[in-house]
Amino acid sequence: MQSNDHPASTRRRLLQGGLALAGATLLQRHAVAAAAIVTAEGDRPLMAQGIQFGDMTLGNTLLWSRADRPARLHAEYSFDESFSRPVRLVGPHALETTDFTARMDLAGLPADRTVFVRAWFESLTHAGASSEPVLGRFRTPALARNIRFVWGGDTAGQGWGINPAFGGMRIYEQMRRVQPDFFLHSGDTIYADGPIAETVTAENGQTWSNLVTPEVAKVAETLDEYRGRYRYNLLDENVRRFNAEVPQIWQWDDHEVTNNWSASKSLAADPRYTVKDVPLLIARGSRAFMEYAPMRPYGAAELERVYRHIPYGPLLDVFVIDMRSYRGPNGTNLESAEGEASRLLGSAQLAWLKDGLRRSRATWKVIASDMPIGLNVGDGRDAGGTARWEAVANGNDGPARGRELEIAGLLRSIRQMALRNVVWLTADVHYCAAHHYDPSRAAFTDFDPFWEFVAGPLNAGTFGPNTLDATFGPRVDFQKTPPAGRSNFSPFAGLQFFGEVNIDAASRTFSVAFKDLDGRQVYSRTLVPA
């Protein structure tokens, strides 16, 4: 139930509560130089959202943080926890134009070292006033070392937000405890279209109690409401602690803007939205994502580009693809030839992906996809009652059609180039599953067998299972979902899952496991390199 307090009072109370939560759980603080000592505590910037690391490669790791006022980001890093010989860096200004977020590269890092980081903001309006520093740490990639990483998607969806009595977003703590080298967030990093209420009735009549801020109490329409969705997730102490220790690779899907958005999306009949211009919402959602993602900007050629290559040494290349930004309209998905209506990745991204896979010398090539290939994911029906489709599959078990044509071409190219050890990792459907694709079961047969692993949700409603489309011959090796006929289970049910990958440096095997909210392993599969 919403409070009747004045909005300004409500915002102050929520901010104070969030800062108290942050202050209770941030890593050990260190004093910076004497210049940071100020006489007026209110003059000091605050770092309520902590720090994040992202897009780590051999030699470089991105540092992200946010201030609460105009300030400049500073950082230092060391290879010992006492910071006896720190490398000091002066970062960019954080202004209103980026919601006071800032990022900078930690460059020239040696391989296979633990890096200790201390970051703070210096006020632009009160000389000598600096925030209390926040500490973080991570381990750089190596040329010869076992690799462990985790992945998943779907954070704060279906109204299941931060429940302090439940322990908050506990799965982030479970992921931190396995001490991964990095985390791949497979999309739906927020749910801009899903309001979060103070209480929600969960399965078995249980009451789920959410921490609520004004920005998450309704669908996001303004730029600040989109930004507020990211600030909300960073109120969770598990998330902040995780962010300070595990570098991340973010991609996005639909809920960063609005459900199932494409060129055909219309909000005319949705009374929750006063802003009906989907392109405007896309622009605002994209801006907020780019501000809050710990992601290295691509460059002036395409400032909002999400697809990218993250090299992680001789054992692993990660190819992050974007199935959202370049797609045509969600429709029947049954086109017999490629064109505007069937577009999913688009020609430029497809060419980039094929070329990157061809050039890769890593043992394992992971395609990080925001949606699965062979699961039927619907998007309602059109005015004539014909099914519309949201993902690759189209409910037709025959030859490749619609968006399947691009994927068929990609799979054919992988076979023609004789590429081995290509694995797809994804999320989106809110349950965990392992799928094996084989041309002996398929309608389209010009490809080599491969695996797709689906993780999630991380902190959202649990659904499934989706039906399979036989075009590429998928077989379910494992899936864990709610009981038949039931859906949208809360985190109370424990059906929240993340994926864990371990690559052994000696044998070069690729071992996949699914783990639940309590860290219990529910599935494992080891792939031997070809």
Protein backbone atom coordinates (compact mmCIF):
# COMPACT_ATOMS: atom_id res chain seq x y z
CA MET A 1 0.00 0.00 0.00
CA GLN A 2 1.33 3.41 -0.89
CA SER A 3 2.15 5.95 1.79
CA ASN A 4 0.23 9.23 1.98
CA ASP A 5 3.39 11.14 2.92
CA HIS A 6 4.48 14.11 0.87
CA PRO A 7 6.63 12.83 -2.05
CA ALA A 8 9.68 14.80 -0.92
CA SER A 9 9.43 13.33 2.56
CA THR A 10 9.00 9.86 1.13
CA ARG A 11 12.06 10.27 -1.08
CA ARG A 12 14.16 11.49 1.87
CA ARG A 13 13.08 8.53 4.01
CA LEU A 14 13.81 6.02 1.24
CA LEU A 15 17.17 7.60 0.51
CA GLN A 16 18.11 7.56 4.19
CA GLY A 17 17.01 3.94 4.49
CA GLY A 18 18.95 2.94 1.39
CA LEU A 19 22.07 4.72 2.61
CA ALA A 20 21.80 3.07 6.00
CA LEU A 21 21.53 -0.29 4.28
CA ALA A 22 24.54 0.55 2.14
CA GLY A 23 26.58 1.80 5.06
CA ALA A 24 25.94 -1.34 7.08
CA THR A 25 27.28 -3.68 4.47
CA LEU A 26 29.91 -1.98 2.30
CA LEU A 27 33.39 -3.42 2.42
CA GLN A 28 35.91 -2.02 4.91
CA ARG A 29 36.50 1.70 4.41
CA HIS A 30 39.94 3.29 4.37
CA ALA A 31 40.87 6.89 4.96
CA VAL A 32 42.20 8.68 1.92
CA ALA A 33 44.58 11.62 1.98
CA ALA A 34 44.24 14.44 4.46
CA ALA A 35 42.68 16.55 1.73
CA ALA A 36 39.60 14.37 1.96
CA ILE A 37 38.92 15.39 5.57
CA VAL A 38 36.15 17.97 5.67
CA THR A 39 34.46 19.84 8.44
CA ALA A 40 30.87 19.57 7.20
CA GLU A 41 29.62 16.02 6.71
CA GLY A 42 26.79 17.25 4.46
CA ASP A 43 29.33 18.61 1.97
CA ARG A 44 30.68 15.13 1.21
CA PRO A 45 29.40 13.18 -1.80
CA LEU A 46 27.75 9.85 -1.11
CA MET A 47 28.33 6.53 -2.92
CA ALA A 48 25.14 4.69 -1.98
CA GLN A 49 25.29 2.44 -5.07
CA GLY A 50 28.81 1.16 -4.36
CA ILE A 51 31.09 0.17 -7.23
CA GLN A 52 30.95 -2.29 -10.11
CA PHE A 53 33.56 -3.85 -12.38
CA GLY A 54 32.84 -4.88 -15.94
CA ASP A 55 34.02 -6.05 -19.37
CA MET A 56 37.27 -7.46 -17.98
CA THR A 57 39.84 -8.58 -20.55
CA LEU A 58 43.56 -9.33 -20.45
CA GLY A 59 44.97 -6.05 -19.15
CA ASN A 60 41.80 -3.98 -18.70
CA THR A 61 38.84 -3.82 -16.33
CA LEU A 62 36.16 -1.14 -16.25
CA LEU A 63 35.31 0.58 -12.95
CA TRP A 64 31.80 2.07 -12.47
CA SER A 65 30.31 4.10 -9.65
CA ARG A 66 27.75 6.80 -8.89
CA ALA A 67 27.75 9.91 -6.72
CA ASP A 68 24.73 11.76 -5.39
CA ARG A 69 25.84 15.21 -6.61
CA PRO A 70 28.32 16.84 -9.02
CA ALA A 71 31.66 15.18 -8.28
CA ARG A 72 34.73 13.63 -9.85
CA LEU A 73 35.59 9.95 -9.64
CA HIS A 74 38.98 9.02 -8.23
CA ALA A 75 40.46 5.56 -7.75
CA GLU A 76 43.60 3.76 -6.82
CA TYR A 77 44.53 0.14 -7.13
CA SER A 78 47.19 -2.05 -5.63
CA PHE A 79 48.29 -5.66 -5.62
CA ASP A 80 48.33 -5.81 -1.83
CA GLU A 81 45.44 -5.17 0.50
CA SER A 82 47.37 -2.57 2.48
CA PHE A 83 47.73 -0.34 -0.61
CA SER A 84 51.43 0.09 0.11
CA ARG A 85 52.26 1.08 -3.50
CA PRO A 86 48.99 2.19 -5.11
CA VAL A 87 48.47 3.34 -8.67
CA ARG A 88 46.35 6.48 -8.49
CA LEU A 89 43.90 7.51 -11.21
CA VAL A 90 41.76 10.58 -11.78
CA GLY A 91 38.51 9.71 -13.50
CA PRO A 92 35.71 11.63 -15.20
CA HIS A 93 33.24 14.11 -13.80
CA ALA A 94 29.87 12.83 -12.66
CA LEU A 95 27.13 15.29 -13.56
CA GLU A 96 23.34 15.44 -13.84
CA THR A 97 23.60 14.51 -17.53
CA THR A 98 24.59 10.93 -16.59
CA ASP A 99 22.62 10.75 -13.32
CA PHE A 100 25.98 11.27 -11.58
CA THR A 101 27.32 7.93 -12.86
CA ALA A 102 30.93 7.67 -13.99
CA ARG A 103 33.28 4.98 -15.27
CA MET A 104 36.91 4.58 -16.18
CA ASP A 105 39.25 1.86 -17.36
CA LEU A 106 41.83 0.32 -15.09
CA ALA A 107 44.39 -0.35 -17.81
CA GLY A 108 47.72 -2.12 -18.06
CA LEU A 109 46.86 -4.73 -15.44
CA PRO A 110 49.09 -7.81 -15.24
CA ALA A 111 47.69 -11.29 -15.79
CA ASP A 112 46.59 -13.56 -12.96
CA ARG A 113 46.77 -11.05 -10.12
CA THR A 114 44.35 -10.04 -7.40
CA VAL A 115 43.72 -6.32 -7.75
CA PHE A 116 42.52 -4.30 -4.76
CA VAL A 117 40.61 -1.14 -5.66
CA ARG A 118 39.66 1.91 -3.62
CA ALA A 119 37.31 4.45 -5.21
CA TRP A 120 35.86 7.76 -4.04
CA PHE A 121 34.25 10.94 -5.36
CA GLU A 122 35.56 14.46 -4.84
CA SER A 123 32.97 17.24 -4.67
CA LEU A 124 32.90 19.82 -7.46
CA THR A 125 31.24 22.42 -5.25
CA HIS A 126 33.09 22.08 -1.91
CA ALA A 127 36.87 22.06 -2.20
CA GLY A 128 38.46 19.15 -0.36
CA ALA A 129 35.16 17.40 0.31
CA SER A 130 35.37 13.73 -0.67
CA SER A 131 33.14 10.75 -0.12
CA GLU A 132 34.14 7.90 2.09
CA PRO A 133 35.98 5.44 -0.17
CA VAL A 134 34.52 2.10 -1.20
CA LEU A 135 36.71 -0.98 -1.59
CA GLY A 136 36.56 -3.75 -4.17
CA ARG A 137 38.71 -6.55 -5.51
CA PHE A 138 38.91 -8.87 -8.50
CA ARG A 139 41.31 -11.31 -10.13
CA THR A 140 42.63 -10.64 -13.62
CA PRO A 141 42.51 -13.26 -16.39
CA ALA A 142 45.47 -15.57 -16.95
CA LEU A 143 47.05 -17.30 -19.91
CA ALA A 144 46.93 -20.68 -18.15
CA ARG A 145 44.50 -21.07 -15.27
CA ASN A 146 41.16 -22.70 -14.58
CA ILE A 147 38.23 -20.39 -15.36
CA ARG A 148 35.01 -20.20 -13.38
CA PHE A 149 32.14 -17.93 -14.28
CA VAL A 150 28.44 -17.67 -13.54
CA TRP A 151 25.50 -16.47 -15.61
CA GLY A 152 21.76 -15.83 -15.41
CA GLY A 153 19.07 -13.26 -16.13
CA ASP A 154 15.83 -11.73 -14.89
CA THR A 155 16.32 -9.44 -11.87
CA ALA A 156 13.38 -7.93 -9.90
CA GLY A 157 10.67 -9.14 -12.26
CA GLN A 158 6.93 -9.79 -11.83
CA GLY A 159 6.82 -7.61 -8.70
CA TRP A 160 9.23 -9.78 -6.70
CA GLY A 161 11.66 -7.10 -5.56
CA ILE A 162 13.89 -6.65 -2.52
CA ASN A 163 12.34 -8.38 0.49
CA PRO A 164 14.55 -7.50 3.50
CA ALA A 165 12.87 -10.12 5.71
CA PHE A 166 13.74 -12.79 3.12
CA GLY A 167 17.35 -11.61 3.02
CA GLY A 168 17.06 -9.54 -0.16
CA MET A 169 18.26 -10.89 -3.49
CA ARG A 170 19.95 -13.88 -1.90
CA ILE A 171 21.01 -15.57 -5.11
CA TYR A 172 23.63 -12.86 -5.66
CA GLU A 173 25.28 -13.92 -2.41
CA GLN A 174 25.24 -17.55 -3.54
CA MET A 175 26.92 -16.56 -6.80
CA ARG A 176 29.54 -14.53 -4.92
CA ARG A 177 30.37 -17.48 -2.69
CA VAL A 178 31.49 -19.68 -5.58
CA GLN A 179 34.17 -17.01 -6.25
CA PRO A 180 33.67 -16.69 -10.01
CA ASP A 181 36.09 -14.86 -12.26
CA PHE A 182 33.18 -13.00 -13.81
CA PHE A 183 29.39 -12.89 -14.19
CA LEU A 184 27.41 -12.80 -17.43
CA HIS A 185 24.04 -11.07 -17.01
CA SER A 186 21.97 -12.44 -19.90
CA GLY A 187 19.42 -9.64 -19.96
CA ASP A 188 16.35 -8.28 -18.20
CA THR A 189 18.69 -6.50 -15.81
CA ILE A 190 15.61 -4.54 -14.65
CA TYR A 191 11.84 -4.79 -15.20
CA ALA A 192 10.90 -1.30 -16.28
CA ASP A 193 7.37 -2.48 -17.15
CA GLY A 194 6.74 -4.30 -13.85
CA PRO A 195 5.56 -2.17 -10.90
CA ILE A 196 6.74 -3.29 -7.47
CA ALA A 197 4.17 -3.02 -4.68
CA GLU A 198 4.78 -3.03 -0.93
CA THR A 199 3.18 -6.45 -0.55
CA VAL A 200 2.38 -9.25 -3.00
CA THR A 201 0.49 -12.48 -2.36
CA ALA A 202 2.75 -15.39 -3.25
CA GLU A 203 2.05 -19.11 -3.66
CA ASN A 204 0.34 -20.83 -0.73
CA GLY A 205 -1.05 -17.48 0.45
CA GLN A 206 2.29 -16.22 1.69
CA THR A 207 2.91 -12.47 1.81
CA TRP A 208 5.98 -11.12 0.05
CA SER A 209 7.04 -7.69 1.36
CA ASN A 210 9.04 -5.40 -0.91
CA LEU A 211 11.23 -2.42 -0.32
CA VAL A 212 9.61 0.20 -2.59
CA THR A 213 10.84 3.47 -4.07
CA PRO A 214 8.71 5.96 -6.02
CA GLU A 215 10.46 5.06 -9.30
CA VAL A 216 9.53 1.36 -9.13
CA ALA A 217 5.95 1.81 -7.93
CA LYS A 218 4.75 2.32 -11.54
CA VAL A 219 5.89 1.46 -15.05
CA ALA A 220 8.94 3.44 -16.11
CA GLU A 221 8.23 6.25 -18.57
CA THR A 222 10.53 9.14 -17.66
CA LEU A 223 14.29 8.93 -17.85
CA ASP A 224 14.52 9.25 -14.06
CA GLU A 225 12.09 6.35 -13.61
CA TYR A 226 14.26 4.15 -15.81
CA ARG A 227 17.32 5.24 -13.87
CA GLY A 228 15.46 4.59 -10.64
CA ARG A 229 15.03 0.94 -11.60
CA TYR A 230 18.79 0.47 -11.60
CA ARG A 231 19.21 2.45 -8.39
CA TYR A 232 16.59 0.19 -6.83
CA ASN A 233 18.51 -3.02 -7.54
CA LEU A 234 21.61 -1.40 -6.05
CA LEU A 235 19.80 -0.91 -2.73
CA ASP A 236 20.26 -4.64 -2.17
CA GLU A 237 23.31 -5.42 -0.05
CA ASN A 238 23.84 -8.80 -1.73
CA VAL A 239 24.00 -7.13 -5.13
CA ARG A 240 26.44 -4.42 -3.97
CA ARG A 241 28.71 -6.91 -2.25
CA PHE A 242 28.67 -9.09 -5.39
CA ASN A 243 29.40 -6.11 -7.64
CA ALA A 244 32.45 -5.15 -5.58
CA GLU A 245 34.05 -8.56 -6.11
CA VAL A 246 32.84 -10.03 -9.42
CA PRO A 247 33.43 -8.29 -12.78
CA GLN A 248 30.36 -8.42 -15.01
CA ILE A 249 29.36 -8.66 -18.65
CA TRP A 250 25.93 -7.15 -19.25
CA GLN A 251 23.57 -7.60 -22.15
CA TRP A 252 19.97 -6.55 -22.44
CA ASP A 253 16.63 -7.86 -23.62
CA ASP A 254 13.12 -6.38 -23.54
CA HIS A 255 12.32 -5.44 -19.94
CA GLU A 256 14.98 -2.74 -19.89
CA VAL A 257 12.38 -0.82 -21.95
CA THR A 258 8.97 -2.53 -22.03
CA ASN A 259 7.68 -6.06 -22.49
CA ASN A 260 8.47 -7.70 -25.86
CA TRP A 261 9.30 -4.43 -27.58
CA SER A 262 9.95 -4.36 -31.30
CA ALA A 263 8.95 -2.16 -34.22
CA SER A 264 5.39 -3.50 -33.93
CA LYS A 265 4.96 -2.69 -30.24
CA SER A 266 1.90 -0.59 -29.37
CA LEU A 267 0.94 0.70 -25.93
CA ALA A 268 -2.33 2.24 -27.10
CA ALA A 269 -4.42 -0.21 -25.08
CA ASP A 270 -2.19 -0.27 -21.98
CA PRO A 271 -3.68 2.14 -19.42
CA ARG A 272 -0.54 2.02 -17.27
CA TYR A 273 1.32 4.15 -19.79
CA THR A 274 0.69 7.84 -20.39
CA VAL A 275 3.67 7.93 -22.75
CA LYS A 276 2.55 5.89 -25.77
CA ASP A 277 5.55 6.60 -28.01
CA VAL A 278 7.54 3.38 -27.90
CA PRO A 279 10.57 4.90 -29.72
CA LEU A 280 10.76 7.55 -27.00
CA LEU A 281 10.65 4.88 -24.28
CA ILE A 282 13.35 2.94 -26.12
CA ALA A 283 15.54 6.05 -26.15
CA ARG A 284 15.07 6.63 -22.42
CA GLY A 285 15.52 2.97 -21.52
CA SER A 286 18.66 2.75 -23.66
CA ARG A 287 20.11 5.87 -22.05
CA ALA A 288 19.57 4.54 -18.52
CA PHE A 289 21.03 1.13 -19.43
CA MET A 290 24.14 2.72 -20.88
CA GLU A 291 24.57 4.88 -17.78
CA TYR A 292 24.26 2.03 -15.26
CA ALA A 293 25.80 -0.94 -17.08
CA PRO A 294 29.45 -1.57 -16.12
CA MET A 295 30.11 -1.77 -19.84
CA ARG A 296 32.90 -0.27 -21.93
CA PRO A 297 31.34 2.10 -24.51
CA TYR A 298 31.85 0.85 -28.05
CA GLY A 299 32.78 4.20 -29.54
CA ALA A 300 31.53 7.06 -31.66
CA ALA A 301 30.56 4.77 -34.55
CA GLU A 302 27.70 3.31 -32.49
CA LEU A 303 27.49 4.71 -28.97
CA GLU A 304 24.64 2.43 -27.86
CA ARG A 305 26.01 -0.79 -29.32
CA VAL A 306 25.59 -3.75 -26.96
CA TYR A 307 27.02 -6.65 -29.00
CA ARG A 308 30.73 -7.11 -28.42
CA HIS A 309 33.56 -9.60 -28.01
CA ILE A 310 35.12 -10.24 -24.59
CA PRO A 311 38.36 -12.24 -25.00
CA TYR A 312 39.34 -14.14 -21.87
CA GLY A 313 42.56 -15.83 -22.88
CA PRO A 314 43.33 -19.05 -24.76
CA LEU A 315 40.54 -21.06 -23.16
CA LEU A 316 37.56 -18.75 -23.71
CA ASP A 317 36.07 -16.13 -26.01
CA VAL A 318 32.68 -14.61 -25.12
CA PHE A 319 30.58 -13.19 -27.98
CA VAL A 320 27.77 -11.04 -26.55
CA ILE A 321 24.97 -10.73 -29.09
CA ASP A 322 21.94 -8.42 -29.20
CA MET A 323 18.64 -9.94 -30.31
CA ARG A 324 16.65 -6.83 -29.40
CA SER A 325 17.99 -3.67 -31.04
CA TYR A 326 17.98 -4.66 -34.71
CA ARG A 327 14.93 -6.89 -34.99
CA GLY A 328 11.98 -6.37 -37.25
CA PRO A 329 8.43 -6.39 -35.89
CA ASN A 330 7.13 -9.26 -33.83
CA GLY A 331 4.81 -11.05 -36.23
CA THR A 332 3.94 -14.48 -37.59
CA ASN A 333 7.67 -15.19 -38.04
CA LEU A 334 6.97 -17.43 -41.05
CA GLU A 335 8.70 -15.54 -43.88
CA SER A 336 10.24 -17.86 -46.47
CA ALA A 337 13.07 -15.46 -47.36
CA GLU A 338 15.20 -13.08 -45.31
CA GLY A 339 14.09 -9.46 -45.27
CA GLU A 340 12.99 -6.62 -43.06
CA ALA A 341 10.21 -8.65 -41.44
CA SER A 342 12.47 -11.60 -40.55
CA ARG A 343 15.43 -9.58 -39.27
CA LEU A 344 16.72 -10.43 -35.80
CA LEU A 345 20.45 -9.78 -35.46
CA GLY A 346 20.77 -7.87 -38.70
CA SER A 347 23.41 -8.24 -41.41
CA ALA A 348 26.13 -6.16 -39.72
CA GLN A 349 25.94 -8.05 -36.43
CA LEU A 350 25.79 -11.41 -38.20
CA ALA A 351 28.89 -10.58 -40.23
CA TRP A 352 30.70 -9.44 -37.09
CA LEU A 353 29.77 -12.66 -35.25
CA LYS A 354 30.81 -14.97 -38.09
CA ASP A 355 34.09 -13.14 -38.50
CA GLY A 356 34.79 -13.17 -34.77
CA LEU A 357 34.10 -16.88 -34.48
CA ARG A 358 36.32 -17.54 -37.49
CA ARG A 359 39.19 -15.56 -36.00
CA SER A 360 38.88 -17.02 -32.51
CA ARG A 361 41.73 -19.23 -31.34
CA ALA A 362 40.17 -19.91 -27.94
CA THR A 363 39.24 -23.48 -27.11
CA TRP A 364 35.66 -22.53 -26.20
CA LYS A 365 33.52 -19.95 -27.96
CA VAL A 366 30.50 -18.89 -25.90
CA ILE A 367 27.66 -17.13 -27.70
CA ALA A 368 25.95 -15.11 -24.97
CA SER A 369 22.39 -14.80 -26.22
CA ASP A 370 19.56 -12.89 -24.60
CA MET A 371 16.95 -15.39 -25.88
CA PRO A 372 16.93 -19.16 -26.51
CA ILE A 373 16.88 -20.61 -30.03
CA GLY A 374 14.49 -23.54 -29.98
CA LEU A 375 11.88 -22.57 -27.37
CA ASN A 376 8.56 -21.16 -28.52
CA VAL A 377 8.18 -17.74 -26.88
CA GLY A 378 4.92 -16.09 -27.88
CA ASP A 379 3.83 -12.47 -28.04
CA GLY A 380 0.05 -12.82 -28.10
CA ARG A 381 -1.97 -12.70 -31.31
CA ASP A 382 -2.58 -10.13 -33.99
CA ALA A 383 -5.98 -8.63 -34.84
CA GLY A 384 -6.78 -11.66 -36.99
CA GLY A 385 -6.01 -14.12 -34.22
CA THR A 386 -2.70 -15.31 -35.69
CA ALA A 387 0.08 -16.04 -33.20
CA ARG A 388 2.93 -13.52 -32.94
CA TRP A 389 6.38 -14.61 -31.83
CA GLU A 390 8.93 -12.93 -29.59
CA ALA A 391 12.06 -15.07 -29.99
CA VAL A 392 13.64 -17.16 -32.77
CA ALA A 393 11.20 -20.07 -32.93
CA ASN A 394 7.77 -19.79 -34.58
CA GLY A 395 5.81 -22.85 -33.45
CA ASN A 396 6.37 -24.46 -36.84
CA ASP A 397 8.45 -27.65 -36.78
CA GLY A 398 9.31 -27.49 -40.48
CA PRO A 399 12.14 -25.86 -42.43
CA ALA A 400 13.67 -22.61 -41.18
CA ARG A 401 11.39 -19.60 -41.62
CA GLY A 402 11.26 -16.06 -40.32
CA ARG A 403 13.94 -15.29 -37.76
CA GLU A 404 15.07 -18.90 -37.93
CA LEU A 405 16.62 -18.07 -41.32
CA GLU A 406 19.36 -15.91 -39.77
CA ILE A 407 20.15 -18.57 -37.18
CA ALA A 408 20.18 -21.26 -39.87
CA GLY A 409 22.69 -19.21 -41.86
CA LEU A 410 24.86 -18.74 -38.79
CA LEU A 411 24.80 -22.44 -37.91
CA ARG A 412 25.62 -23.33 -41.52
CA SER A 413 28.60 -20.96 -41.46
CA ILE A 414 29.88 -22.46 -38.20
CA ARG A 415 29.80 -25.88 -39.86
CA GLN A 416 31.41 -24.69 -43.08
CA MET A 417 34.23 -23.03 -41.13
CA ALA A 418 34.71 -26.30 -39.19
CA LEU A 419 34.45 -24.42 -35.89
CA ARG A 420 34.33 -26.55 -32.78
CA ASN A 421 33.29 -26.04 -29.18
CA VAL A 422 30.63 -23.36 -29.70
CA VAL A 423 28.21 -23.19 -26.75
CA TRP A 424 25.13 -20.99 -26.36
CA LEU A 425 24.30 -19.50 -22.94
CA THR A 426 21.03 -17.66 -22.37
CA ALA A 427 18.17 -16.88 -19.96
CA ASP A 428 14.81 -15.07 -20.58
CA VAL A 429 12.26 -17.86 -19.97
CA HIS A 430 12.51 -17.91 -16.15
CA TYR A 431 13.57 -21.51 -15.58
CA CYS A 432 16.75 -23.50 -16.05
CA ALA A 433 17.21 -26.01 -18.86
CA ALA A 434 19.84 -27.82 -20.92
CA HIS A 435 19.09 -28.34 -24.62
CA HIS A 436 21.05 -30.41 -27.12
CA TYR A 437 20.56 -29.60 -30.83
CA ASP A 438 21.27 -32.26 -33.44
CA PRO A 439 20.64 -32.33 -37.22
CA SER A 440 19.51 -35.97 -36.97
CA ARG A 441 16.36 -34.71 -35.21
CA ALA A 442 15.98 -31.47 -37.18
CA ALA A 443 14.09 -30.15 -40.20
CA PHE A 444 17.05 -27.92 -41.03
CA THR A 445 20.09 -30.20 -41.07
CA ASP A 446 23.08 -28.20 -42.32
CA PHE A 447 24.79 -27.71 -38.95
CA ASP A 448 26.88 -29.51 -36.35
CA PRO A 449 25.39 -30.58 -33.00
CA PHE A 450 25.68 -28.05 -30.17
CA TRP A 451 24.48 -27.30 -26.64
CA GLU A 452 22.37 -24.45 -25.28
CA PHE A 453 22.08 -23.84 -21.53
CA VAL A 454 19.34 -21.64 -20.05
CA ALA A 455 19.67 -20.14 -16.53
CA GLY A 456 17.43 -17.98 -14.33
CA PRO A 457 15.48 -16.37 -12.96
CA LEU A 458 17.80 -14.62 -10.54
CA ASN A 459 15.13 -12.70 -8.61
CA ALA A 460 11.85 -12.88 -10.51
CA GLY A 461 8.83 -15.09 -11.09
CA THR A 462 9.50 -18.69 -12.15
CA PHE A 463 7.61 -20.01 -15.20
CA GLY A 464 7.83 -22.79 -17.78
CA PRO A 465 8.41 -25.04 -19.42
CA ASN A 466 8.07 -23.64 -22.93
CA THR A 467 7.36 -25.99 -25.83
CA LEU A 468 10.12 -26.93 -28.29
CA ASP A 469 10.28 -26.03 -31.97
CA ALA A 470 11.82 -28.93 -33.90
CA THR A 471 13.39 -26.90 -36.74
CA PHE A 472 16.90 -27.25 -35.26
CA GLY A 473 16.27 -30.57 -33.53
CA PRO A 474 16.41 -29.62 -29.83
CA ARG A 475 16.16 -32.23 -27.09
CA VAL A 476 15.63 -31.42 -23.41
CA ASP A 477 18.43 -32.93 -21.37
CA PHE A 478 17.21 -31.25 -18.18
CA GLN A 479 14.75 -28.62 -17.00
CA LYS A 480 13.45 -27.49 -13.63
CA THR A 481 10.16 -25.58 -13.53
CA PRO A 482 7.09 -25.08 -11.32
CA PRO A 483 4.55 -27.93 -11.13
CA ALA A 484 2.43 -28.42 -14.26
CA GLY A 485 -0.24 -25.76 -14.72
CA ARG A 486 1.29 -23.33 -12.22
CA SER A 487 3.47 -20.28 -12.81
CA ASN A 488 4.96 -17.06 -11.43
CA PHE A 489 6.41 -18.68 -8.33
CA SER A 490 8.09 -16.21 -5.96
CA PRO A 491 11.62 -16.63 -4.57
CA PHE A 492 9.92 -18.23 -1.55
CA ALA A 493 9.62 -21.40 -3.66
CA GLY A 494 13.39 -21.60 -4.16
CA LEU A 495 13.01 -21.96 -7.94
CA GLN A 496 15.63 -19.33 -8.70
CA PHE A 497 18.65 -20.62 -10.62
CA PHE A 498 22.05 -19.48 -11.83
CA GLY A 499 24.45 -21.27 -14.12
CA GLU A 500 28.07 -22.01 -13.28
CA VAL A 501 30.78 -22.89 -15.80
CA ASN A 502 34.18 -24.35 -14.93
CA ILE A 503 36.82 -24.67 -17.66
CA ASP A 504 39.73 -26.88 -16.64
CA ALA A 505 43.07 -25.56 -17.88
CA ALA A 506 44.64 -29.03 -18.10
CA SER A 507 41.88 -31.05 -19.75
CA ARG A 508 40.13 -28.02 -21.33
CA THR A 509 36.76 -29.52 -20.39
CA PHE A 510 33.73 -27.19 -20.11
CA SER A 511 31.60 -28.18 -17.10
CA VAL A 512 28.16 -26.64 -16.67
CA ALA A 513 26.07 -26.74 -13.49
CA PHE A 514 22.78 -25.22 -12.41
CA LYS A 515 22.52 -24.11 -8.79
CA ASP A 516 19.51 -22.91 -6.84
CA LEU A 517 18.83 -20.15 -4.35
CA ASP A 518 20.60 -22.08 -1.58
CA GLY A 519 23.59 -23.01 -3.70
CA ARG A 520 22.49 -26.62 -4.22
CA GLN A 521 23.50 -28.16 -7.54
CA VAL A 522 20.50 -29.49 -9.47
CA TYR A 523 22.22 -30.45 -12.74
CA SER A 524 25.66 -30.85 -14.27
CA ARG A 525 27.11 -31.70 -17.66
CA THR A 526 30.76 -31.81 -18.75
CA LEU A 527 31.62 -31.13 -22.39
CA VAL A 528 34.88 -32.49 -23.80
CA PRO A 529 36.58 -30.25 -26.38
CA ALA A 530 36.70 -31.47 -29.95
